[in-house]
């Protein structure tokens, strides 16, 4: 393992356009469980609340579950060492962008600036009536469902519900970053959520080196991964950070 970490550090150090692709696993050490799997959120909560048709026809019921899961349960999560080390590598100019499937805002809270939120964020809302977007400080969640501060319409969290398309500007920029990348650091993802999972494959097709950090093998491990670093993201990224010049 130590030899693989040293090898990965050399690839990252020598890279001209290193990007990061993160999933739920990077936030587990911040106390946010993954959505899927035996201990995932969907084993405890009914995901129907994130179906767009259900949300529009049962906004209060949907919002009550959304609030419990995403604002009450996850709302106090803080960035962990993995998020912080990635932000520091961006400040050094080594990491050019982070493409995240997560909606928890922890990359930005850690200080990362170039973050593409592929599935959106809990920190922003979109009015279903006037389509204006609002940030969390400007929206009260004391009464559910919350009302748009502009027109009073129904607010929806600005993350992707089941059946929604990925916004074209985020999708396009993510795949542009994949094509530019010579190294991709894949962290904490099963590689099964579409269309996000196609991003590392796109990078690999363009000749990128894939370095994967995961607690368990993913769909990428035996297909496109060049270096697999098994373990906690906080521990492995700290070791990598100390070796990157």
Foldseek 3Di string as FASTA:
>chain_A
DVVLLLVVLVCLQPWPEEAEEEEPQQQVVLVQADQDDPPHPVVVDPLPLLAPVCCVVPVQVSVVVCCVRQCVRLVPGEHDLLLLLVQVCVVVVSHDAYEYCDQDCRNVRSPHDRYQHQFYHQQKKAFPPPRDMDGNVVWDPPDPPTADPVPGGGIDRPGHGPPDDGPPVSVVVLLVSLLVTQEYEYEHDQLPDPPSSCSVVSNVVNNHAYEYEECDHHPCRVPRHPRYHHDRSNVSSVSSSVSRD
